[in-house]
Full PDB file with SEQRES, HELIX, SHEET, SSBOND, CRYST1, ORIGX, SCALE, CONECT and MASTER records, all heavy atoms in Angstrom:
SEQRES   1 A   35  GLU ARG ILE ILE ASP GLN ILE SER LEU THR ALA GLN GLN          
SEQRES   2 A   35  ARG TYR ILE LYS LEU ILE GLU THR HIS PRO GLY ILE VAL          
SEQRES   3 A   35  GLN ASN VAL PRO ILE LYS LEU ILE ALA                          
HELIX    1 AA1 ARG A    2  SER A    8  1                                   7    
HELIX    2 AA2 ALA A   11  THR A   21  1                                  11    
HELIX    3 AA3 PRO A   23  ASN A   28  1                                   6    
HELIX    4 AA4 ILE A   31  ILE A   34  1                                   4    
CRYST1    1.000    1.000    1.000  90.00  90.00  90.00 P 1           1          
ORIGX1      1.000000  0.000000  0.000000        0.00000                         
ORIGX2      0.000000  1.000000  0.000000        0.00000                         
ORIGX3      0.000000  0.000000  1.000000        0.00000                         
SCALE1      1.000000  0.000000  0.000000        0.00000                         
SCALE2      0.000000  1.000000  0.000000        0.00000                         
SCALE3      0.000000  0.000000  1.000000        0.00000                         
ATOM      1  N   GLU A   1       0.816  -1.208   0.033  1.00  0.00           N  
ATOM      2  CA  GLU A   1      -0.018   0.002   0.025  1.00  0.00           C  
ATOM      3  C   GLU A   1       0.859   1.303  -0.059  1.00  0.00           C  
ATOM      4  O   GLU A   1       0.625   2.202  -0.695  1.00  0.00           O  
ATOM      5  CB  GLU A   1      -0.879  -0.050   1.205  1.00  0.00           C  
ATOM      6  CG  GLU A   1      -1.868   1.149   1.253  1.00  0.00           C  
ATOM      7  CD  GLU A   1      -2.852   1.063   2.453  1.00  0.00           C  
ATOM      8  OE1 GLU A   1      -3.033  -0.032   2.957  1.00  0.00           O  
ATOM      9  OE2 GLU A   1      -3.359   2.134   2.858  1.00  0.00           O  
ATOM     10  N   ARG A   2       1.937   1.183   0.741  1.00  0.00           N  
ATOM     11  CA  ARG A   2       2.791   2.386   0.779  1.00  0.00           C  
ATOM     12  C   ARG A   2       3.502   2.568  -0.591  1.00  0.00           C  
ATOM     13  O   ARG A   2       3.626   3.788  -0.948  1.00  0.00           O  
ATOM     14  CB  ARG A   2       3.895   2.158   1.888  1.00  0.00           C  
ATOM     15  CG  ARG A   2       4.948   3.240   1.921  1.00  0.00           C  
ATOM     16  CD  ARG A   2       5.645   3.332   3.290  1.00  0.00           C  
ATOM     17  NE  ARG A   2       6.965   3.929   3.186  1.00  0.00           N  
ATOM     18  CZ  ARG A   2       7.096   5.292   3.091  1.00  0.00           C  
ATOM     19  NH1 ARG A   2       6.066   6.057   2.880  1.00  0.00           N  
ATOM     20  NH2 ARG A   2       8.361   5.791   3.047  1.00  0.00           N  
ATOM     21  N   ILE A   3       3.926   1.597  -1.272  1.00  0.00           N  
ATOM     22  CA  ILE A   3       4.547   1.695  -2.610  1.00  0.00           C  
ATOM     23  C   ILE A   3       3.530   2.294  -3.571  1.00  0.00           C  
ATOM     24  O   ILE A   3       3.824   3.241  -4.362  1.00  0.00           O  
ATOM     25  CB  ILE A   3       5.026   0.317  -3.103  1.00  0.00           C  
ATOM     26  CG1 ILE A   3       6.299  -0.085  -2.243  1.00  0.00           C  
ATOM     27  CG2 ILE A   3       5.412   0.429  -4.552  1.00  0.00           C  
ATOM     28  CD1 ILE A   3       6.653  -1.574  -2.541  1.00  0.00           C  
ATOM     29  N   ILE A   4       2.290   1.759  -3.482  1.00  0.00           N  
ATOM     30  CA  ILE A   4       1.240   2.311  -4.407  1.00  0.00           C  
ATOM     31  C   ILE A   4       0.960   3.772  -4.056  1.00  0.00           C  
ATOM     32  O   ILE A   4       0.741   4.631  -5.055  1.00  0.00           O  
ATOM     33  CB  ILE A   4      -0.044   1.434  -4.257  1.00  0.00           C  
ATOM     34  CG1 ILE A   4       0.201   0.012  -4.801  1.00  0.00           C  
ATOM     35  CG2 ILE A   4      -1.195   2.094  -5.024  1.00  0.00           C  
ATOM     36  CD1 ILE A   4      -0.933  -0.946  -4.521  1.00  0.00           C  
ATOM     37  N   ASP A   5       0.886   4.128  -2.844  1.00  0.00           N  
ATOM     38  CA  ASP A   5       0.611   5.558  -2.433  1.00  0.00           C  
ATOM     39  C   ASP A   5       1.741   6.452  -2.987  1.00  0.00           C  
ATOM     40  O   ASP A   5       1.449   7.547  -3.446  1.00  0.00           O  
ATOM     41  CB  ASP A   5       0.448   5.642  -0.938  1.00  0.00           C  
ATOM     42  CG  ASP A   5      -0.783   5.026  -0.416  1.00  0.00           C  
ATOM     43  OD1 ASP A   5      -1.677   4.730  -1.149  1.00  0.00           O  
ATOM     44  OD2 ASP A   5      -0.922   4.920   0.877  1.00  0.00           O  
ATOM     45  N   GLN A   6       2.926   6.012  -2.858  1.00  0.00           N  
ATOM     46  CA  GLN A   6       4.052   6.828  -3.336  1.00  0.00           C  
ATOM     47  C   GLN A   6       3.991   7.086  -4.859  1.00  0.00           C  
ATOM     48  O   GLN A   6       4.387   8.182  -5.382  1.00  0.00           O  
ATOM     49  CB  GLN A   6       5.426   6.155  -3.007  1.00  0.00           C  
ATOM     50  CG  GLN A   6       5.817   6.114  -1.609  1.00  0.00           C  
ATOM     51  CD  GLN A   6       6.072   7.509  -1.056  1.00  0.00           C  
ATOM     52  OE1 GLN A   6       5.290   8.009  -0.177  1.00  0.00           O  
ATOM     53  NE2 GLN A   6       7.085   8.149  -1.444  1.00  0.00           N  
ATOM     54  N   ILE A   7       3.402   6.126  -5.584  1.00  0.00           N  
ATOM     55  CA  ILE A   7       3.300   6.289  -7.067  1.00  0.00           C  
ATOM     56  C   ILE A   7       2.022   7.061  -7.468  1.00  0.00           C  
ATOM     57  O   ILE A   7       2.088   7.843  -8.374  1.00  0.00           O  
ATOM     58  CB  ILE A   7       3.291   4.893  -7.700  1.00  0.00           C  
ATOM     59  CG1 ILE A   7       4.639   4.100  -7.402  1.00  0.00           C  
ATOM     60  CG2 ILE A   7       3.027   4.948  -9.192  1.00  0.00           C  
ATOM     61  CD1 ILE A   7       4.639   2.690  -7.874  1.00  0.00           C  
ATOM     62  N   SER A   8       0.943   6.744  -6.750  1.00  0.00           N  
ATOM     63  CA  SER A   8      -0.312   7.264  -7.277  1.00  0.00           C  
ATOM     64  C   SER A   8      -0.901   8.452  -6.574  1.00  0.00           C  
ATOM     65  O   SER A   8      -1.747   9.077  -7.123  1.00  0.00           O  
ATOM     66  CB  SER A   8      -1.435   6.158  -7.070  1.00  0.00           C  
ATOM     67  OG  SER A   8      -1.558   5.738  -5.724  1.00  0.00           O  
ATOM     68  N   LEU A   9      -0.390   8.861  -5.364  1.00  0.00           N  
ATOM     69  CA  LEU A   9      -0.977   9.946  -4.701  1.00  0.00           C  
ATOM     70  C   LEU A   9       0.051  11.088  -4.734  1.00  0.00           C  
ATOM     71  O   LEU A   9       1.234  10.920  -4.795  1.00  0.00           O  
ATOM     72  CB  LEU A   9      -1.181   9.628  -3.181  1.00  0.00           C  
ATOM     73  CG  LEU A   9      -2.135   8.460  -2.923  1.00  0.00           C  
ATOM     74  CD1 LEU A   9      -2.325   8.300  -1.340  1.00  0.00           C  
ATOM     75  CD2 LEU A   9      -3.504   8.709  -3.487  1.00  0.00           C  
ATOM     76  N   THR A  10      -0.517  12.313  -4.690  1.00  0.00           N  
ATOM     77  CA  THR A  10       0.345  13.479  -4.591  1.00  0.00           C  
ATOM     78  C   THR A  10       0.901  13.627  -3.163  1.00  0.00           C  
ATOM     79  O   THR A  10       0.411  12.988  -2.190  1.00  0.00           O  
ATOM     80  CB  THR A  10      -0.464  14.780  -4.837  1.00  0.00           C  
ATOM     81  OG1 THR A  10      -1.406  14.957  -3.817  1.00  0.00           O  
ATOM     82  CG2 THR A  10      -1.108  14.769  -6.255  1.00  0.00           C  
ATOM     83  N   ALA A  11       1.923  14.491  -2.932  1.00  0.00           N  
ATOM     84  CA  ALA A  11       2.487  14.634  -1.634  1.00  0.00           C  
ATOM     85  C   ALA A  11       1.427  15.087  -0.661  1.00  0.00           C  
ATOM     86  O   ALA A  11       1.393  14.605   0.543  1.00  0.00           O  
ATOM     87  CB  ALA A  11       3.665  15.663  -1.663  1.00  0.00           C  
ATOM     88  N   GLN A  12       0.515  16.012  -1.118  1.00  0.00           N  
ATOM     89  CA  GLN A  12      -0.477  16.491  -0.243  1.00  0.00           C  
ATOM     90  C   GLN A  12      -1.479  15.384   0.202  1.00  0.00           C  
ATOM     91  O   GLN A  12      -1.858  15.323   1.258  1.00  0.00           O  
ATOM     92  CB  GLN A  12      -1.230  17.681  -0.864  1.00  0.00           C  
ATOM     93  CG  GLN A  12      -2.406  18.224   0.004  1.00  0.00           C  
ATOM     94  CD  GLN A  12      -2.937  19.490  -0.573  1.00  0.00           C  
ATOM     95  OE1 GLN A  12      -2.227  20.464  -0.883  1.00  0.00           O  
ATOM     96  NE2 GLN A  12      -4.272  19.610  -0.658  1.00  0.00           N  
ATOM     97  N   GLN A  13      -1.826  14.538  -0.844  1.00  0.00           N  
ATOM     98  CA  GLN A  13      -2.724  13.422  -0.507  1.00  0.00           C  
ATOM     99  C   GLN A  13      -2.041  12.455   0.463  1.00  0.00           C  
ATOM    100  O   GLN A  13      -2.728  11.868   1.273  1.00  0.00           O  
ATOM    101  CB  GLN A  13      -3.076  12.688  -1.865  1.00  0.00           C  
ATOM    102  CG  GLN A  13      -4.063  13.567  -2.667  1.00  0.00           C  
ATOM    103  CD  GLN A  13      -4.177  12.953  -4.079  1.00  0.00           C  
ATOM    104  OE1 GLN A  13      -3.336  12.236  -4.568  1.00  0.00           O  
ATOM    105  NE2 GLN A  13      -5.320  13.139  -4.691  1.00  0.00           N  
ATOM    106  N   ARG A  14      -0.709  12.194   0.300  1.00  0.00           N  
ATOM    107  CA  ARG A  14      -0.067  11.324   1.197  1.00  0.00           C  
ATOM    108  C   ARG A  14      -0.096  11.800   2.601  1.00  0.00           C  
ATOM    109  O   ARG A  14      -0.205  11.129   3.535  1.00  0.00           O  
ATOM    110  CB  ARG A  14       1.348  11.038   0.736  1.00  0.00           C  
ATOM    111  CG  ARG A  14       1.459  10.286  -0.570  1.00  0.00           C  
ATOM    112  CD  ARG A  14       2.809   9.692  -0.889  1.00  0.00           C  
ATOM    113  NE  ARG A  14       3.863  10.671  -1.050  1.00  0.00           N  
ATOM    114  CZ  ARG A  14       4.074  11.279  -2.228  1.00  0.00           C  
ATOM    115  NH1 ARG A  14       3.440  10.974  -3.292  1.00  0.00           N  
ATOM    116  NH2 ARG A  14       5.086  12.158  -2.336  1.00  0.00           N  
ATOM    117  N   TYR A  15       0.112  13.117   2.713  1.00  0.00           N  
ATOM    118  CA  TYR A  15       0.121  13.738   4.027  1.00  0.00           C  
ATOM    119  C   TYR A  15      -1.281  13.682   4.649  1.00  0.00           C  
ATOM    120  O   TYR A  15      -1.335  13.370   5.853  1.00  0.00           O  
ATOM    121  CB  TYR A  15       0.646  15.176   4.009  1.00  0.00           C  
ATOM    122  CG  TYR A  15       0.771  15.889   5.312  1.00  0.00           C  
ATOM    123  CD1 TYR A  15       1.634  15.397   6.288  1.00  0.00           C  
ATOM    124  CD2 TYR A  15      -0.065  16.963   5.604  1.00  0.00           C  
ATOM    125  CE1 TYR A  15       1.713  16.066   7.505  1.00  0.00           C  
ATOM    126  CE2 TYR A  15      -0.036  17.590   6.874  1.00  0.00           C  
ATOM    127  CZ  TYR A  15       0.876  17.112   7.786  1.00  0.00           C  
ATOM    128  OH  TYR A  15       0.953  17.708   9.081  1.00  0.00           O  
ATOM    129  N   ILE A  16      -2.223  14.022   3.929  1.00  0.00           N  
ATOM    130  CA  ILE A  16      -3.598  13.949   4.469  1.00  0.00           C  
ATOM    131  C   ILE A  16      -3.943  12.603   4.889  1.00  0.00           C  
ATOM    132  O   ILE A  16      -4.561  12.334   5.959  1.00  0.00           O  
ATOM    133  CB  ILE A  16      -4.649  14.454   3.302  1.00  0.00           C  
ATOM    134  CG1 ILE A  16      -4.416  16.068   3.210  1.00  0.00           C  
ATOM    135  CG2 ILE A  16      -6.051  14.231   3.765  1.00  0.00           C  
ATOM    136  CD1 ILE A  16      -5.321  16.589   2.011  1.00  0.00           C  
ATOM    137  N   LYS A  17      -3.591  11.610   4.133  1.00  0.00           N  
ATOM    138  CA  LYS A  17      -3.846  10.149   4.493  1.00  0.00           C  
ATOM    139  C   LYS A  17      -3.131   9.843   5.796  1.00  0.00           C  
ATOM    140  O   LYS A  17      -3.646   9.086   6.665  1.00  0.00           O  
ATOM    141  CB  LYS A  17      -3.374   9.221   3.347  1.00  0.00           C  
ATOM    142  CG  LYS A  17      -3.671   7.831   3.653  1.00  0.00           C  
ATOM    143  CD  LYS A  17      -3.312   6.903   2.485  1.00  0.00           C  
ATOM    144  CE  LYS A  17      -3.681   5.415   2.834  1.00  0.00           C  
ATOM    145  NZ  LYS A  17      -3.422   4.543   1.600  1.00  0.00           N  
ATOM    146  N   LEU A  18      -1.892  10.352   5.943  1.00  0.00           N  
ATOM    147  CA  LEU A  18      -1.087  10.121   7.202  1.00  0.00           C  
ATOM    148  C   LEU A  18      -1.918  10.757   8.365  1.00  0.00           C  
ATOM    149  O   LEU A  18      -1.976  10.072   9.485  1.00  0.00           O  
ATOM    150  CB  LEU A  18       0.227  10.676   7.098  1.00  0.00           C  
ATOM    151  CG  LEU A  18       1.193  10.451   8.265  1.00  0.00           C  
ATOM    152  CD1 LEU A  18       1.479   8.907   8.361  1.00  0.00           C  
ATOM    153  CD2 LEU A  18       2.517  11.188   8.184  1.00  0.00           C  
ATOM    154  N   ILE A  19      -2.405  11.924   8.197  1.00  0.00           N  
ATOM    155  CA  ILE A  19      -3.166  12.586   9.242  1.00  0.00           C  
ATOM    156  C   ILE A  19      -4.411  11.764   9.609  1.00  0.00           C  
ATOM    157  O   ILE A  19      -4.736  11.586  10.756  1.00  0.00           O  
ATOM    158  CB  ILE A  19      -3.662  13.971   8.757  1.00  0.00           C  
ATOM    159  CG1 ILE A  19      -2.518  14.929   8.626  1.00  0.00           C  
ATOM    160  CG2 ILE A  19      -4.693  14.611   9.798  1.00  0.00           C  
ATOM    161  CD1 ILE A  19      -2.876  16.319   8.015  1.00  0.00           C  
ATOM    162  N   GLU A  20      -5.073  11.189   8.625  1.00  0.00           N  
ATOM    163  CA  GLU A  20      -6.289  10.340   8.861  1.00  0.00           C  
ATOM    164  C   GLU A  20      -6.019   9.010   9.472  1.00  0.00           C  
ATOM    165  O   GLU A  20      -6.787   8.564  10.328  1.00  0.00           O  
ATOM    166  CB  GLU A  20      -7.051  10.219   7.540  1.00  0.00           C  
ATOM    167  CG  GLU A  20      -7.522  11.493   6.938  1.00  0.00           C  
ATOM    168  CD  GLU A  20      -8.142  11.315   5.553  1.00  0.00           C  
ATOM    169  OE1 GLU A  20      -7.831  10.300   4.880  1.00  0.00           O  
ATOM    170  OE2 GLU A  20      -8.835  12.246   5.054  1.00  0.00           O  
ATOM    171  N   THR A  21      -4.876   8.390   9.045  1.00  0.00           N  
ATOM    172  CA  THR A  21      -4.675   7.060   9.566  1.00  0.00           C  
ATOM    173  C   THR A  21      -3.739   6.991  10.787  1.00  0.00           C  
ATOM    174  O   THR A  21      -3.897   6.102  11.622  1.00  0.00           O  
ATOM    175  CB  THR A  21      -3.988   6.200   8.420  1.00  0.00           C  
ATOM    176  OG1 THR A  21      -2.776   6.825   7.975  1.00  0.00           O  
ATOM    177  CG2 THR A  21      -4.964   6.038   7.255  1.00  0.00           C  
ATOM    178  N   HIS A  22      -2.801   8.024  10.950  1.00  0.00           N  
ATOM    179  CA  HIS A  22      -1.910   7.927  12.035  1.00  0.00           C  
ATOM    180  C   HIS A  22      -1.702   9.398  12.563  1.00  0.00           C  
ATOM    181  O   HIS A  22      -0.658  10.027  12.493  1.00  0.00           O  
ATOM    182  CB  HIS A  22      -0.554   7.403  11.628  1.00  0.00           C  
ATOM    183  CG  HIS A  22      -0.556   6.042  11.236  1.00  0.00           C  
ATOM    184  ND1 HIS A  22      -0.775   4.945  12.033  1.00  0.00           N  
ATOM    185  CD2 HIS A  22      -0.432   5.435   9.922  1.00  0.00           C  
ATOM    186  CE1 HIS A  22      -0.771   3.820  11.395  1.00  0.00           C  
ATOM    187  NE2 HIS A  22      -0.591   4.057  10.169  1.00  0.00           N  
ATOM    188  N   PRO A  23      -2.766   9.923  13.136  1.00  0.00           N  
ATOM    189  CA  PRO A  23      -2.694  11.345  13.661  1.00  0.00           C  
ATOM    190  C   PRO A  23      -1.545  11.457  14.746  1.00  0.00           C  
ATOM    191  O   PRO A  23      -1.029  12.590  14.910  1.00  0.00           O  
ATOM    192  CB  PRO A  23      -4.037  11.623  14.242  1.00  0.00           C  
ATOM    193  CG  PRO A  23      -4.640  10.269  14.468  1.00  0.00           C  
ATOM    194  CD  PRO A  23      -4.155   9.380  13.417  1.00  0.00           C  
ATOM    195  N   GLY A  24      -1.313  10.388  15.504  1.00  0.00           N  
ATOM    196  CA  GLY A  24      -0.344  10.493  16.543  1.00  0.00           C  
ATOM    197  C   GLY A  24       1.063  10.784  16.015  1.00  0.00           C  
ATOM    198  O   GLY A  24       1.911  11.478  16.567  1.00  0.00           O  
ATOM    199  N   ILE A  25       1.386  10.200  14.781  1.00  0.00           N  
ATOM    200  CA  ILE A  25       2.629  10.430  14.162  1.00  0.00           C  
ATOM    201  C   ILE A  25       2.789  11.916  13.824  1.00  0.00           C  
ATOM    202  O   ILE A  25       3.827  12.538  14.007  1.00  0.00           O  
ATOM    203  CB  ILE A  25       2.806   9.548  12.859  1.00  0.00           C  
ATOM    204  CG1 ILE A  25       2.984   8.076  13.358  1.00  0.00           C  
ATOM    205  CG2 ILE A  25       3.915  10.034  12.007  1.00  0.00           C  
ATOM    206  CD1 ILE A  25       3.113   7.122  12.151  1.00  0.00           C  
ATOM    207  N   VAL A  26       1.764  12.466  13.252  1.00  0.00           N  
ATOM    208  CA  VAL A  26       1.797  13.959  12.867  1.00  0.00           C  
ATOM    209  C   VAL A  26       2.020  14.793  14.088  1.00  0.00           C  
ATOM    210  O   VAL A  26       2.678  15.822  13.962  1.00  0.00           O  
ATOM    211  CB  VAL A  26       0.470  14.315  12.125  1.00  0.00           C  
ATOM    212  CG1 VAL A  26       0.441  15.777  11.812  1.00  0.00           C  
ATOM    213  CG2 VAL A  26       0.295  13.456  10.879  1.00  0.00           C  
ATOM    214  N   GLN A  27       1.430  14.409  15.219  1.00  0.00           N  
ATOM    215  CA  GLN A  27       1.545  15.234  16.439  1.00  0.00           C  
ATOM    216  C   GLN A  27       2.792  14.961  17.193  1.00  0.00           C  
ATOM    217  O   GLN A  27       3.232  15.882  17.965  1.00  0.00           O  
ATOM    218  CB  GLN A  27       0.309  14.931  17.335  1.00  0.00           C  
ATOM    219  CG  GLN A  27      -1.056  15.243  16.735  1.00  0.00           C  
ATOM    220  CD  GLN A  27      -2.212  14.581  17.435  1.00  0.00           C  
ATOM    221  OE1 GLN A  27      -2.024  13.854  18.517  1.00  0.00           O  
ATOM    222  NE2 GLN A  27      -3.362  14.674  16.836  1.00  0.00           N  
ATOM    223  N   ASN A  28       3.444  13.858  16.952  1.00  0.00           N  
ATOM    224  CA  ASN A  28       4.640  13.554  17.805  1.00  0.00           C  
ATOM    225  C   ASN A  28       5.949  13.392  17.123  1.00  0.00           C  
ATOM    226  O   ASN A  28       6.977  13.238  17.789  1.00  0.00           O  
ATOM    227  CB  ASN A  28       4.327  12.292  18.669  1.00  0.00           C  
ATOM    228  CG  ASN A  28       3.224  12.477  19.654  1.00  0.00           C  
ATOM    229  OD1 ASN A  28       3.487  12.891  20.770  1.00  0.00           O  
ATOM    230  ND2 ASN A  28       2.052  12.054  19.273  1.00  0.00           N  
ATOM    231  N   VAL A  29       5.962  13.434  15.862  1.00  0.00           N  
ATOM    232  CA  VAL A  29       7.181  13.212  15.084  1.00  0.00           C  
ATOM    233  C   VAL A  29       7.659  14.469  14.440  1.00  0.00           C  
ATOM    234  O   VAL A  29       6.795  15.164  13.858  1.00  0.00           O  
ATOM    235  CB  VAL A  29       6.998  12.017  14.006  1.00  0.00           C  
ATOM    236  CG1 VAL A  29       8.169  11.877  13.144  1.00  0.00           C  
ATOM    237  CG2 VAL A  29       6.662  10.720  14.718  1.00  0.00           C  
ATOM    238  N   PRO A  30       8.941  14.788  14.462  1.00  0.00           N  
ATOM    239  CA  PRO A  30       9.454  16.030  13.827  1.00  0.00           C  
ATOM    240  C   PRO A  30       9.069  16.095  12.354  1.00  0.00           C  
ATOM    241  O   PRO A  30       9.093  15.064  11.663  1.00  0.00           O  
ATOM    242  CB  PRO A  30      10.909  15.987  14.041  1.00  0.00           C  
ATOM    243  CG  PRO A  30      11.082  15.151  15.279  1.00  0.00           C  
ATOM    244  CD  PRO A  30      10.033  14.053  15.199  1.00  0.00           C  
ATOM    245  N   ILE A  31       8.820  17.313  11.887  1.00  0.00           N  
ATOM    246  CA  ILE A  31       8.354  17.536  10.440  1.00  0.00           C  
ATOM    247  C   ILE A  31       9.425  16.984   9.490  1.00  0.00           C  
ATOM    248  O   ILE A  31       9.053  16.530   8.388  1.00  0.00           O  
ATOM    249  CB  ILE A  31       8.039  19.007  10.239  1.00  0.00           C  
ATOM    250  CG1 ILE A  31       7.359  19.160   8.783  1.00  0.00           C  
ATOM    251  CG2 ILE A  31       9.218  19.852  10.404  1.00  0.00           C  
ATOM    252  CD1 ILE A  31       6.893  20.557   8.575  1.00  0.00           C  
ATOM    253  N   LYS A  32      10.703  17.121   9.788  1.00  0.00           N  
ATOM    254  CA  LYS A  32      11.770  16.634   8.959  1.00  0.00           C  
ATOM    255  C   LYS A  32      11.618  15.146   8.654  1.00  0.00           C  
ATOM    256  O   LYS A  32      11.790  14.710   7.523  1.00  0.00           O  
ATOM    257  CB  LYS A  32      13.155  16.967   9.515  1.00  0.00           C  
ATOM    258  CG  LYS A  32      14.252  16.544   8.613  1.00  0.00           C  
ATOM    259  CD  LYS A  32      15.594  16.955   9.254  1.00  0.00           C  
ATOM    260  CE  LYS A  32      16.747  16.537   8.386  1.00  0.00           C  
ATOM    261  NZ  LYS A  32      18.110  16.907   9.049  1.00  0.00           N  
ATOM    262  N   LEU A  33      11.262  14.408   9.670  1.00  0.00           N  
ATOM    263  CA  LEU A  33      11.187  12.956   9.569  1.00  0.00           C  
ATOM    264  C   LEU A  33       9.889  12.604   8.774  1.00  0.00           C  
ATOM    265  O   LEU A  33       9.899  11.648   7.893  1.00  0.00           O  
ATOM    266  CB  LEU A  33      11.185  12.277  10.826  1.00  0.00           C  
ATOM    267  CG  LEU A  33      12.343  12.486  11.783  1.00  0.00           C  
ATOM    268  CD1 LEU A  33      12.284  11.661  13.068  1.00  0.00           C  
ATOM    269  CD2 LEU A  33      13.644  12.092  10.984  1.00  0.00           C  
ATOM    270  N   ILE A  34       8.809  13.342   9.036  1.00  0.00           N  
ATOM    271  CA  ILE A  34       7.492  13.054   8.256  1.00  0.00           C  
ATOM    272  C   ILE A  34       7.703  13.361   6.828  1.00  0.00           C  
ATOM    273  O   ILE A  34       7.229  12.633   5.944  1.00  0.00           O  
ATOM    274  CB  ILE A  34       6.416  13.963   8.913  1.00  0.00           C  
ATOM    275  CG1 ILE A  34       6.094  13.476  10.360  1.00  0.00           C  
ATOM    276  CG2 ILE A  34       5.161  13.891   8.062  1.00  0.00           C  
ATOM    277  CD1 ILE A  34       5.118  14.361  11.025  1.00  0.00           C  
ATOM    278  N   ALA A  35       8.407  14.487   6.502  1.00  0.00           N  
ATOM    279  CA  ALA A  35       8.697  14.827   5.182  1.00  0.00           C  
ATOM    280  C   ALA A  35       9.411  13.736   4.441  1.00  0.00           C  
ATOM    281  O   ALA A  35       9.063  13.385   3.247  1.00  0.00           O  
ATOM    282  CB  ALA A  35       9.464  16.149   5.092  1.00  0.00           C  
TER     283      ALA A  35                                                      
MASTER        0    0    0    4    0    0    0    6  282    1    0    3          
END                                                                             
């Protein structure tokens, strides 16, 4: 799923999906690592 997302989704879509599926990561992990 991650490989498919990297190919088929825009960066914004990937980030929004991360917010929806793993909000704790967005809140607790430095932006450099998330990027």
